[in-house]
Amino acid sequence: MTNILRLILFLSLIPLAFAPALASEKPPIPGTRASQLDLVRDSVFYSVSLKREMRYRVLIPRDYEKNGRVRVLYLLHGLYGDYRNWDSYTGLQNYAGNLRLLIVMPDADDAWYTNSATVPLDRFEDYIAKDLISEIDEKYKTIRAAKGRAIAGLSMGGYGAVKLGLKYPQLFAFVGSLSGALNAAQNLDIQRPEFRPKLREVFGDEGSRTRGENDIFQLLSTPHQTPRPYFYLACGTNDFLLETNRALAEQLSSRNINYEYHETPGGHTWAYWDRALLLLLECIEDKFLE
């Protein structure tokens, strides 16, 4: 074997902490596609905040046309991911098939769902909180109030969901995070140097105003009049983000915020997120769709 082939083989075996699994690395989940393609819709819309077109995927409940307004779950992808990840790498369609829930999966680049400290046009927090919600409320029969909206995500998306839930409690009644990179604005760039360039592009250098405004643990201390959403946190016991997830659970508990926290075997992988998604949706059905 040549040195080049050895290098290619070695690189192919390195697990990427945040990268989505390749389709070939995970066998198809039986029954996920053929029966429900008519319930999946891909769309493009112009984001005023970003001044460009953005893509999103929607999973439409089976009885959508027959009944009244529906609740919405905004499901956020992780770093290096895109709007197709959840539907491609998990059994989402099977798990949510009987829920009266519109599931929206937006594209958000690697922008941490944050208004960038260094790139003025990258206003990805505004894109979700303002543009995307308005787009969905205009296009679909939604319940246009906090009681009709949930937001959840994995890794970078878990951070985004928790941050948006804390900043905009008037928009969301339920927040879910799987393996959330909850220390993104804090010290993740120090812990994981491979993510440092993008993190500093988004949040700025240490001590920046943008870091403080987007630090989840500081946001918990922000005075608020609107009741906080219900928080669902889950993390694998072999995940490198386990400690920051435990820390947030402790903070939520100390502030008497309604939440639940789960640790189960698993790492920062799609195998874990697939299992965790089913439990998250069960909680959404119990706490949000009741």
Protein backbone atom coordinates (compact mmCIF):
# COMPACT_ATOMS: atom_id res chain seq x y z
CA MET A 1 0.00 0.00 0.00
CA THR A 2 1.41 3.40 -0.95
CA ASN A 3 1.88 6.16 1.60
CA ILE A 4 -0.91 8.17 -0.05
CA LEU A 5 -3.37 5.27 0.25
CA ARG A 6 -2.38 4.76 3.89
CA LEU A 7 -3.06 8.45 4.55
CA ILE A 8 -6.46 8.29 2.85
CA LEU A 9 -7.41 5.21 4.86
CA PHE A 10 -6.25 6.82 8.11
CA LEU A 11 -8.21 10.02 7.47
CA SER A 12 -11.34 8.08 6.60
CA LEU A 13 -11.32 6.47 10.04
CA ILE A 14 -11.00 9.67 12.05
CA PRO A 15 -14.38 10.47 13.69
CA LEU A 16 -15.42 14.06 13.10
CA ALA A 17 -16.94 15.33 16.31
CA PHE A 18 -19.60 17.52 14.69
CA ALA A 19 -19.75 16.30 11.10
CA PRO A 20 -22.86 14.52 9.85
CA ALA A 21 -22.40 10.83 9.17
CA LEU A 22 -21.99 9.84 5.53
CA ALA A 23 -25.00 8.08 4.09
CA SER A 24 -22.88 5.02 3.36
CA GLU A 25 -21.84 4.75 7.00
CA LYS A 26 -25.38 4.24 8.21
CA PRO A 27 -27.82 1.74 6.70
CA PRO A 28 -31.20 3.10 5.59
CA ILE A 29 -33.91 3.05 8.22
CA PRO A 30 -36.67 0.74 6.97
CA GLY A 31 -39.87 2.43 5.85
CA THR A 32 -38.57 5.97 6.14
CA ARG A 33 -38.88 7.12 2.54
CA ALA A 34 -41.28 5.56 0.07
CA SER A 35 -44.52 5.84 2.02
CA GLN A 36 -44.16 9.46 3.09
CA LEU A 37 -42.46 11.37 0.28
CA ASP A 38 -45.67 13.31 -0.30
CA LEU A 39 -45.39 14.66 3.26
CA VAL A 40 -41.91 16.13 2.75
CA ARG A 41 -41.50 19.51 1.10
CA ASP A 42 -38.28 21.39 0.29
CA SER A 43 -38.54 25.15 -0.09
CA VAL A 44 -36.42 28.23 -0.69
CA PHE A 45 -37.23 31.70 0.62
CA TYR A 46 -35.54 35.07 0.75
CA SER A 47 -34.24 35.99 4.19
CA VAL A 48 -34.35 39.73 4.77
CA SER A 49 -31.85 39.46 7.63
CA LEU A 50 -29.29 37.54 5.56
CA LYS A 51 -30.15 39.24 2.26
CA ARG A 52 -30.04 35.92 0.44
CA GLU A 53 -32.12 32.86 -0.28
CA MET A 54 -32.16 30.03 2.25
CA ARG A 55 -33.42 26.45 2.07
CA TYR A 56 -35.52 24.48 4.50
CA ARG A 57 -37.33 21.15 4.61
CA VAL A 58 -40.77 20.59 6.10
CA LEU A 59 -42.32 17.37 7.34
CA ILE A 60 -46.09 17.80 7.10
CA PRO A 61 -48.45 15.83 9.38
CA ARG A 62 -50.70 13.34 7.61
CA ASP A 63 -53.97 15.02 8.58
CA TYR A 64 -52.75 18.55 7.93
CA GLU A 65 -55.38 19.46 5.32
CA LYS A 66 -58.33 18.01 7.25
CA ASN A 67 -58.04 19.81 10.56
CA GLY A 68 -57.27 23.21 11.99
CA ARG A 69 -54.02 24.92 12.88
CA VAL A 70 -50.96 22.90 13.89
CA ARG A 71 -48.05 23.32 16.26
CA VAL A 72 -44.55 23.64 14.81
CA LEU A 73 -41.22 22.11 15.79
CA TYR A 74 -38.15 23.91 14.44
CA LEU A 75 -35.41 21.27 14.27
CA LEU A 76 -31.87 22.65 13.95
CA HIS A 77 -28.86 20.87 12.45
CA GLY A 78 -25.31 20.69 13.79
CA LEU A 79 -21.97 22.05 12.61
CA TYR A 80 -20.99 20.97 9.08
CA GLY A 81 -24.62 19.91 8.55
CA ASP A 82 -27.56 21.14 6.53
CA TYR A 83 -31.36 21.13 6.35
CA ARG A 84 -31.51 17.51 5.13
CA ASN A 85 -29.59 15.89 7.98
CA TRP A 86 -32.38 15.04 10.40
CA ASP A 87 -34.51 13.46 7.71
CA SER A 88 -31.55 11.63 6.14
CA TYR A 89 -29.75 10.17 9.16
CA THR A 90 -32.56 9.40 11.61
CA GLY A 91 -35.95 7.73 11.61
CA LEU A 92 -37.65 11.12 11.92
CA GLN A 93 -40.48 10.34 9.50
CA ASN A 94 -41.30 7.09 11.27
CA TYR A 95 -41.03 8.56 14.74
CA ALA A 96 -43.16 11.63 13.97
CA GLY A 97 -45.59 9.93 11.61
CA ASN A 98 -48.54 9.98 14.01
CA LEU A 99 -47.88 13.38 15.57
CA ARG A 100 -49.95 16.39 14.62
CA LEU A 101 -46.81 18.45 14.32
CA LEU A 102 -45.30 20.45 11.47
CA ILE A 103 -41.52 19.92 11.58
CA VAL A 104 -39.33 22.58 9.98
CA MET A 105 -35.64 21.90 9.32
CA PRO A 106 -33.81 25.06 8.21
CA ASP A 107 -30.38 25.46 6.66
CA ALA A 108 -28.06 27.60 8.77
CA ASP A 109 -24.53 27.04 7.44
CA ASP A 110 -21.97 26.82 10.28
CA ALA A 111 -23.12 30.10 11.81
CA TRP A 112 -24.12 28.93 15.31
CA TYR A 113 -27.59 30.51 14.94
CA THR A 114 -26.00 33.80 15.95
CA ASN A 115 -25.64 37.31 14.56
CA SER A 116 -21.96 37.31 13.68
CA ALA A 117 -19.51 39.58 15.48
CA THR A 118 -17.33 39.95 12.38
CA VAL A 119 -19.52 39.37 9.29
CA PRO A 120 -22.29 41.99 9.22
CA LEU A 121 -24.51 40.11 6.77
CA ASP A 122 -24.46 36.87 8.78
CA ARG A 123 -27.42 37.61 11.03
CA PHE A 124 -28.42 34.01 11.63
CA GLU A 125 -30.24 34.62 14.91
CA ASP A 126 -32.55 37.13 13.23
CA TYR A 127 -32.94 34.76 10.29
CA ILE A 128 -34.46 32.09 12.55
CA ALA A 129 -36.32 34.25 15.09
CA LYS A 130 -37.79 36.68 12.56
CA ASP A 131 -37.61 35.59 8.95
CA LEU A 132 -38.11 31.83 9.17
CA ILE A 133 -40.96 31.96 11.69
CA SER A 134 -42.72 34.59 9.58
CA GLU A 135 -42.24 32.46 6.47
CA ILE A 136 -43.74 29.37 8.10
CA ASP A 137 -46.61 31.26 9.72
CA GLU A 138 -47.52 32.80 6.36
CA LYS A 139 -47.25 29.59 4.34
CA TYR A 140 -48.80 27.07 6.75
CA LYS A 141 -51.78 26.86 9.10
CA THR A 142 -49.85 27.32 12.33
CA ILE A 143 -50.69 28.35 15.88
CA ARG A 144 -49.04 31.76 15.85
CA ALA A 145 -48.09 32.01 19.51
CA ALA A 146 -45.49 30.57 21.88
CA LYS A 147 -47.83 27.70 22.79
CA GLY A 148 -47.67 26.64 19.15
CA ARG A 149 -43.89 26.58 18.73
CA ALA A 150 -41.10 24.29 19.89
CA ILE A 151 -37.43 24.43 18.92
CA ALA A 152 -34.78 21.74 19.25
CA GLY A 153 -31.46 20.71 17.78
CA LEU A 154 -28.28 18.68 18.11
CA SER A 155 -24.79 19.89 18.97
CA MET A 156 -24.53 23.36 17.37
CA GLY A 157 -28.30 23.17 16.89
CA GLY A 158 -28.78 22.26 20.55
CA TYR A 159 -26.89 25.41 21.49
CA GLY A 160 -28.99 27.40 19.03
CA ALA A 161 -32.26 26.02 20.36
CA VAL A 162 -31.44 26.72 24.01
CA LYS A 163 -30.10 30.19 23.25
CA LEU A 164 -33.14 31.15 21.17
CA GLY A 165 -35.46 29.72 23.81
CA LEU A 166 -33.83 31.86 26.47
CA LYS A 167 -33.70 35.01 24.35
CA TYR A 168 -37.21 34.68 22.93
CA PRO A 169 -39.47 33.01 25.50
CA GLN A 170 -42.38 34.82 23.85
CA LEU A 171 -41.80 32.67 20.74
CA PHE A 172 -41.33 29.14 22.12
CA ALA A 173 -43.04 26.96 24.70
CA PHE A 174 -40.64 24.01 24.43
CA VAL A 175 -36.87 23.76 23.90
CA GLY A 176 -34.93 20.57 23.23
CA SER A 177 -31.19 19.98 23.06
CA LEU A 178 -29.37 16.76 22.16
CA SER A 179 -25.61 16.83 22.84
CA GLY A 180 -25.80 20.61 22.92
CA ALA A 181 -22.56 22.55 22.43
CA LEU A 182 -23.80 24.79 25.20
CA ASN A 183 -20.44 26.42 25.90
CA ALA A 184 -20.07 27.68 22.31
CA ALA A 185 -19.84 31.35 23.33
CA GLN A 186 -17.83 30.53 26.43
CA ASN A 187 -14.75 28.34 26.02
CA LEU A 188 -15.42 25.78 23.29
CA ASP A 189 -12.80 27.44 21.09
CA ILE A 190 -10.21 26.72 23.78
CA GLN A 191 -11.37 23.15 24.38
CA ARG A 192 -11.58 22.30 20.68
CA PRO A 193 -9.00 24.32 18.68
CA GLU A 194 -10.22 22.78 15.40
CA PHE A 195 -13.42 24.84 15.74
CA ARG A 196 -11.66 28.03 16.82
CA PRO A 197 -11.59 29.95 13.50
CA LYS A 198 -15.34 29.71 12.92
CA LEU A 199 -16.22 30.24 16.57
CA ARG A 200 -14.16 33.42 16.71
CA GLU A 201 -15.60 34.61 13.42
CA VAL A 202 -19.07 34.25 14.88
CA PHE A 203 -18.54 35.25 18.52
CA GLY A 204 -15.41 37.40 18.34
CA ASP A 205 -12.40 37.14 20.61
CA GLU A 206 -12.53 36.42 24.33
CA GLY A 207 -14.43 39.10 26.23
CA SER A 208 -16.33 40.37 23.18
CA ARG A 209 -19.80 41.81 23.55
CA THR A 210 -21.19 39.16 21.20
CA ARG A 211 -19.91 36.39 23.47
CA GLY A 212 -21.64 37.88 26.48
CA GLU A 213 -24.91 38.40 24.62
CA ASN A 214 -24.93 34.79 23.44
CA ASP A 215 -23.54 32.97 26.47
CA ILE A 216 -26.30 30.61 27.58
CA PHE A 217 -25.18 30.65 31.19
CA GLN A 218 -25.25 34.45 31.30
CA LEU A 219 -28.63 34.52 29.57
CA LEU A 220 -30.05 32.46 32.43
CA SER A 221 -29.35 35.42 34.68
CA THR A 222 -31.15 37.91 32.44
CA PRO A 223 -34.36 39.32 33.99
CA HIS A 224 -37.46 38.24 32.12
CA GLN A 225 -41.21 38.72 32.43
CA THR A 226 -42.38 36.05 30.01
CA PRO A 227 -42.36 32.51 31.48
CA ARG A 228 -39.43 30.38 30.35
CA PRO A 229 -40.10 27.47 27.98
CA TYR A 230 -39.93 23.85 29.12
CA PHE A 231 -36.38 22.55 28.58
CA TYR A 232 -35.45 19.01 27.51
CA LEU A 233 -31.72 18.19 27.66
CA ALA A 234 -30.06 14.91 26.70
CA CYS A 235 -26.45 13.88 26.24
CA GLY A 236 -24.53 10.66 25.74
CA THR A 237 -22.30 9.46 28.56
CA ASN A 238 -19.34 9.23 26.17
CA ASP A 239 -19.85 12.67 24.66
CA PHE A 240 -17.09 15.28 25.03
CA LEU A 241 -19.85 17.83 25.77
CA LEU A 242 -21.21 15.91 28.76
CA GLU A 243 -19.89 18.29 31.42
CA THR A 244 -21.35 21.44 29.88
CA ASN A 245 -24.73 19.68 29.58
CA ARG A 246 -24.57 18.67 33.24
CA ALA A 247 -23.68 22.25 34.14
CA LEU A 248 -26.71 23.65 32.35
CA ALA A 249 -29.00 21.10 34.01
CA GLU A 250 -27.68 22.22 37.39
CA GLN A 251 -28.28 25.86 36.51
CA LEU A 252 -31.84 25.19 35.37
CA SER A 253 -32.49 23.30 38.58
CA SER A 254 -31.04 26.03 40.79
CA ARG A 255 -33.29 28.60 39.10
CA ASN A 256 -36.45 26.47 39.40
CA ILE A 257 -36.94 26.38 35.63
CA ASN A 258 -39.05 23.50 34.34
CA TYR A 259 -36.75 20.99 32.67
CA GLU A 260 -35.69 17.39 32.39
CA TYR A 261 -32.23 16.00 31.75
CA HIS A 262 -31.25 12.57 30.44
CA GLU A 263 -27.93 10.76 30.18
CA THR A 264 -27.82 7.52 28.22
CA PRO A 265 -24.96 5.53 26.66
CA GLY A 266 -23.61 7.05 23.46
CA GLY A 267 -21.24 9.56 21.96
CA HIS A 268 -21.38 12.51 19.59
CA THR A 269 -22.78 10.35 16.79
CA TRP A 270 -25.83 9.88 14.60
CA ALA A 271 -26.43 6.49 16.21
CA TYR A 272 -26.95 8.28 19.53
CA TRP A 273 -29.00 11.15 18.04
CA ASP A 274 -31.31 8.72 16.28
CA ARG A 275 -32.16 7.03 19.59
CA ALA A 276 -32.35 10.33 21.45
CA LEU A 277 -34.66 11.87 18.85
CA LEU A 278 -37.35 9.27 19.53
CA LEU A 279 -37.28 10.09 23.25
CA LEU A 280 -37.33 13.81 22.52
CA LEU A 281 -40.41 13.43 20.34
CA GLU A 282 -42.11 11.40 23.06
CA CYS A 283 -41.50 14.26 25.48
CA ILE A 284 -42.80 16.77 22.92
CA GLU A 285 -45.96 14.71 22.57
CA ASP A 286 -46.39 14.63 26.34
CA LYS A 287 -45.42 18.21 27.27
CA PHE A 288 -46.07 20.23 24.12
CA LEU A 289 -48.88 18.52 22.21
CA GLU A 290 -51.04 17.69 25.22
